[in-house]
Amino acid sequence: MADFRRKRNRLPREAYIGQHWYFITLNAEDRRPILAGGPMVKILLDTLRAACAQHSFNIYAYCFMPDHIHIEPLGLAAKSDLTEFMRAWKGTSTVPLREVGLDDPPWKKDGGINSPLQEPRLQKGFYDHILRPEDNQDAVAWYIFNNPVRKGLVKDPRDWPYTGSWMFDWKKAVAPPKEFVPPWKKVTPPS
């Protein structure tokens, strides 16, 4: 099993507090397709909604892929803390996810306490991008909505059942003309 340490946030803690827009990616360990299924997505959406209420966030866009999750949360208050919000969401998801088979300890699978650790897990940390004023929130949302299309799972993003928004009716919205490209995917031309 791979060494599975928590990814540290890149910026100082205070950068994750306040009324900010974020683009978050949460991967399954080794990018295994462990999220393909309605019961797991329902649990994650329910616990996400509870964490949003508790930590003053709303979700502009989300997409649950088989091996990762994208969300575009918005901090609604000066005290909105992304790190605590993510900790609460993942923490309250653990027990219900175990009940449907995600993150089961290995001894629950085969009865042996010495079996190798092969249980599916979500990564301990998350990848974050704090949106800048020049970033178009709608373009980021459409980048998220189009993820299943880019992966060849559907032809139209509206056909993917695990995508949505809690802030607008995205299925009736029109994608912005300029696509969002995450900073880590931008290619710098040679000089």
Protein backbone atom coordinates (compact mmCIF):
# COMPACT_ATOMS: atom_id res chain seq x y z
CA MET A 1 0.00 0.00 0.00
CA ALA A 2 1.25 3.49 -0.82
CA ASP A 3 2.38 5.85 1.90
CA PHE A 4 -0.75 7.91 2.42
CA ARG A 5 0.12 11.10 4.28
CA ARG A 6 -2.01 14.19 4.58
CA LYS A 7 -1.23 16.77 1.91
CA ARG A 8 -0.31 20.06 3.53
CA ASN A 9 -2.02 23.20 2.38
CA ARG A 10 0.27 25.43 0.37
CA LEU A 11 -0.66 28.74 1.97
CA PRO A 12 -0.79 30.05 5.54
CA ARG A 13 -3.92 29.08 7.48
CA GLU A 14 -5.39 32.61 7.36
CA ALA A 15 -5.56 32.35 3.55
CA TYR A 16 -8.31 29.72 4.00
CA ILE A 17 -10.54 31.85 6.23
CA GLY A 18 -13.17 34.27 4.96
CA GLN A 19 -15.48 34.90 2.06
CA HIS A 20 -13.52 33.19 -0.69
CA TRP A 21 -14.28 30.97 -3.65
CA TYR A 22 -12.33 27.71 -3.89
CA PHE A 23 -11.78 24.92 -6.35
CA ILE A 24 -11.21 21.69 -4.38
CA THR A 25 -10.23 18.22 -5.57
CA LEU A 26 -10.40 15.23 -3.27
CA ASN A 27 -9.00 11.97 -4.66
CA ALA A 28 -9.53 8.35 -3.81
CA GLU A 29 -6.35 6.64 -2.69
CA ASP A 30 -4.35 5.58 -5.75
CA ARG A 31 -7.23 7.04 -7.81
CA ARG A 32 -9.17 3.78 -7.44
CA PRO A 33 -12.81 3.97 -8.67
CA ILE A 34 -14.42 3.65 -5.22
CA LEU A 35 -17.02 6.39 -5.56
CA ALA A 36 -19.01 4.86 -8.40
CA GLY A 37 -22.37 4.44 -6.79
CA GLY A 38 -25.39 6.36 -5.61
CA PRO A 39 -25.30 5.38 -1.89
CA MET A 40 -21.77 6.72 -1.38
CA VAL A 41 -22.49 9.92 -3.29
CA LYS A 42 -25.71 10.44 -1.31
CA ILE A 43 -23.82 10.09 1.98
CA LEU A 44 -21.13 12.49 0.82
CA LEU A 45 -23.72 15.03 -0.36
CA ASP A 46 -25.68 14.77 2.90
CA THR A 47 -22.58 15.23 5.03
CA LEU A 48 -21.36 18.01 2.72
CA ARG A 49 -24.65 19.85 3.23
CA ALA A 50 -24.34 19.50 7.02
CA ALA A 51 -20.73 20.73 6.98
CA CYS A 52 -21.75 23.70 4.83
CA ALA A 53 -24.45 24.68 7.33
CA GLN A 54 -22.10 24.29 10.28
CA HIS A 55 -19.19 26.21 8.73
CA SER A 56 -20.97 28.90 6.63
CA PHE A 57 -20.27 27.57 3.14
CA ASN A 58 -22.36 26.94 0.06
CA ILE A 59 -21.55 24.80 -2.98
CA TYR A 60 -21.59 26.51 -6.35
CA ALA A 61 -20.65 23.35 -8.23
CA TYR A 62 -19.85 19.72 -7.48
CA CYS A 63 -19.01 16.58 -9.41
CA PHE A 64 -18.47 13.10 -7.98
CA MET A 65 -16.36 11.04 -10.33
CA PRO A 66 -15.53 7.35 -9.73
CA ASP A 67 -12.04 8.18 -8.43
CA HIS A 68 -12.22 11.83 -7.29
CA ILE A 69 -14.50 14.68 -6.27
CA HIS A 70 -14.52 18.32 -7.38
CA ILE A 71 -16.34 20.99 -5.41
CA GLU A 72 -16.50 24.76 -5.78
CA PRO A 73 -17.33 26.00 -2.28
CA LEU A 74 -17.95 29.61 -1.35
CA GLY A 75 -17.24 30.89 2.15
CA LEU A 76 -20.28 32.91 3.21
CA ALA A 77 -18.90 34.62 6.33
CA ALA A 78 -15.70 36.26 7.55
CA LYS A 79 -15.27 33.23 9.85
CA SER A 80 -15.74 30.58 7.12
CA ASP A 81 -12.72 28.29 7.52
CA LEU A 82 -12.03 25.96 4.58
CA THR A 83 -9.69 23.71 6.56
CA GLU A 84 -12.25 23.16 9.34
CA PHE A 85 -15.05 22.77 6.80
CA MET A 86 -13.18 20.03 4.94
CA ARG A 87 -12.19 18.34 8.21
CA ALA A 88 -15.84 18.34 9.35
CA TRP A 89 -17.12 17.04 6.00
CA LYS A 90 -14.65 14.19 5.79
CA GLY A 91 -14.94 13.39 9.51
CA THR A 92 -18.72 13.13 9.55
CA SER A 93 -18.63 11.05 6.35
CA THR A 94 -16.39 8.32 7.78
CA VAL A 95 -18.90 6.24 9.76
CA PRO A 96 -21.74 6.27 7.20
CA LEU A 97 -19.28 5.48 4.39
CA ARG A 98 -17.96 2.51 6.34
CA GLU A 99 -21.53 1.27 6.70
CA VAL A 100 -21.81 1.04 2.89
CA GLY A 101 -18.34 -0.43 2.40
CA LEU A 102 -15.92 2.46 1.93
CA ASP A 103 -12.95 2.63 4.29
CA ASP A 104 -13.68 -0.74 5.90
CA PRO A 105 -10.74 -1.94 7.96
CA PRO A 106 -9.18 -5.05 6.40
CA TRP A 107 -10.24 -7.39 9.22
CA LYS A 108 -13.90 -6.67 8.37
CA LYS A 109 -13.29 -7.89 4.83
CA ASP A 110 -11.60 -11.24 5.37
CA GLY A 111 -11.52 -11.83 9.12
CA GLY A 112 -7.74 -11.65 9.43
CA ILE A 113 -6.08 -8.88 11.40
CA ASN A 114 -2.75 -9.48 9.68
CA SER A 115 -4.00 -9.08 6.12
CA PRO A 116 -2.40 -6.33 4.03
CA LEU A 117 -4.13 -2.97 4.14
CA GLN A 118 -6.14 -2.87 0.93
CA GLU A 119 -9.20 -0.95 2.04
CA PRO A 120 -10.32 1.86 -0.24
CA ARG A 121 -9.88 5.32 1.23
CA LEU A 122 -10.15 8.96 0.37
CA GLN A 123 -6.95 10.96 0.48
CA LYS A 124 -6.28 12.54 3.85
CA GLY A 125 -5.79 16.03 2.47
CA PHE A 126 -7.21 17.81 -0.53
CA TYR A 127 -5.98 19.92 -3.40
CA ASP A 128 -7.07 23.52 -3.24
CA HIS A 129 -7.08 26.55 -5.48
CA ILE A 130 -8.31 29.83 -4.05
CA LEU A 131 -10.03 31.59 -6.93
CA ARG A 132 -8.59 34.96 -7.82
CA PRO A 133 -10.68 38.00 -8.79
CA GLU A 134 -9.87 37.36 -12.48
CA ASP A 135 -11.13 33.76 -12.25
CA ASN A 136 -14.67 33.37 -13.56
CA GLN A 137 -16.70 31.33 -11.01
CA ASP A 138 -19.06 30.17 -13.77
CA ALA A 139 -16.15 28.95 -15.91
CA VAL A 140 -14.77 27.02 -12.92
CA ALA A 141 -18.22 25.49 -12.36
CA TRP A 142 -18.44 24.42 -16.00
CA TYR A 143 -14.96 22.95 -15.80
CA ILE A 144 -16.32 20.84 -12.91
CA PHE A 145 -19.59 19.98 -14.69
CA ASN A 146 -17.71 18.91 -17.84
CA ASN A 147 -15.38 16.52 -16.03
CA PRO A 148 -17.46 13.41 -16.93
CA VAL A 149 -17.45 14.54 -20.58
CA ARG A 150 -13.66 14.97 -20.63
CA LYS A 151 -13.32 11.47 -19.14
CA GLY A 152 -15.62 9.97 -21.79
CA LEU A 153 -18.34 8.90 -19.33
CA VAL A 154 -21.13 10.94 -20.96
CA LYS A 155 -21.55 13.13 -24.03
CA ASP A 156 -23.47 15.90 -22.23
CA PRO A 157 -22.60 16.95 -18.67
CA ARG A 158 -26.30 17.12 -17.81
CA ASP A 159 -26.45 13.33 -18.19
CA TRP A 160 -24.02 12.64 -15.32
CA PRO A 161 -26.14 11.92 -12.21
CA TYR A 162 -23.53 13.02 -9.66
CA THR A 163 -23.10 16.66 -10.70
CA GLY A 164 -24.91 19.72 -9.48
CA SER A 165 -25.11 23.09 -7.75
CA TRP A 166 -26.91 24.29 -4.65
CA MET A 167 -26.83 27.91 -5.80
CA PHE A 168 -28.30 27.91 -9.32
CA ASP A 169 -30.10 25.66 -11.81
CA TRP A 170 -26.98 24.69 -13.72
CA LYS A 171 -28.80 22.42 -16.18
CA LYS A 172 -30.55 25.50 -17.60
CA ALA A 173 -27.43 27.66 -17.58
CA VAL A 174 -25.19 28.31 -20.55
CA ALA A 175 -21.47 27.65 -20.28
CA PRO A 176 -19.32 30.79 -20.46
CA PRO A 177 -17.50 31.31 -23.77
CA LYS A 178 -14.04 31.26 -22.16
CA GLU A 179 -13.12 27.93 -20.54
CA PHE A 180 -11.36 27.76 -17.20
CA VAL A 181 -8.01 25.99 -17.21
CA PRO A 182 -6.66 25.11 -13.76
CA PRO A 183 -3.27 26.71 -13.11
CA TRP A 184 -1.58 23.31 -12.83
CA LYS A 185 -2.76 22.40 -16.34
CA LYS A 186 -1.66 25.60 -18.05
CA VAL A 187 1.20 25.16 -20.47
CA THR A 188 3.79 27.89 -20.49
CA PRO A 189 5.11 28.53 -23.99
CA PRO A 190 8.87 28.08 -24.37
CA SER A 191 10.81 31.33 -24.28
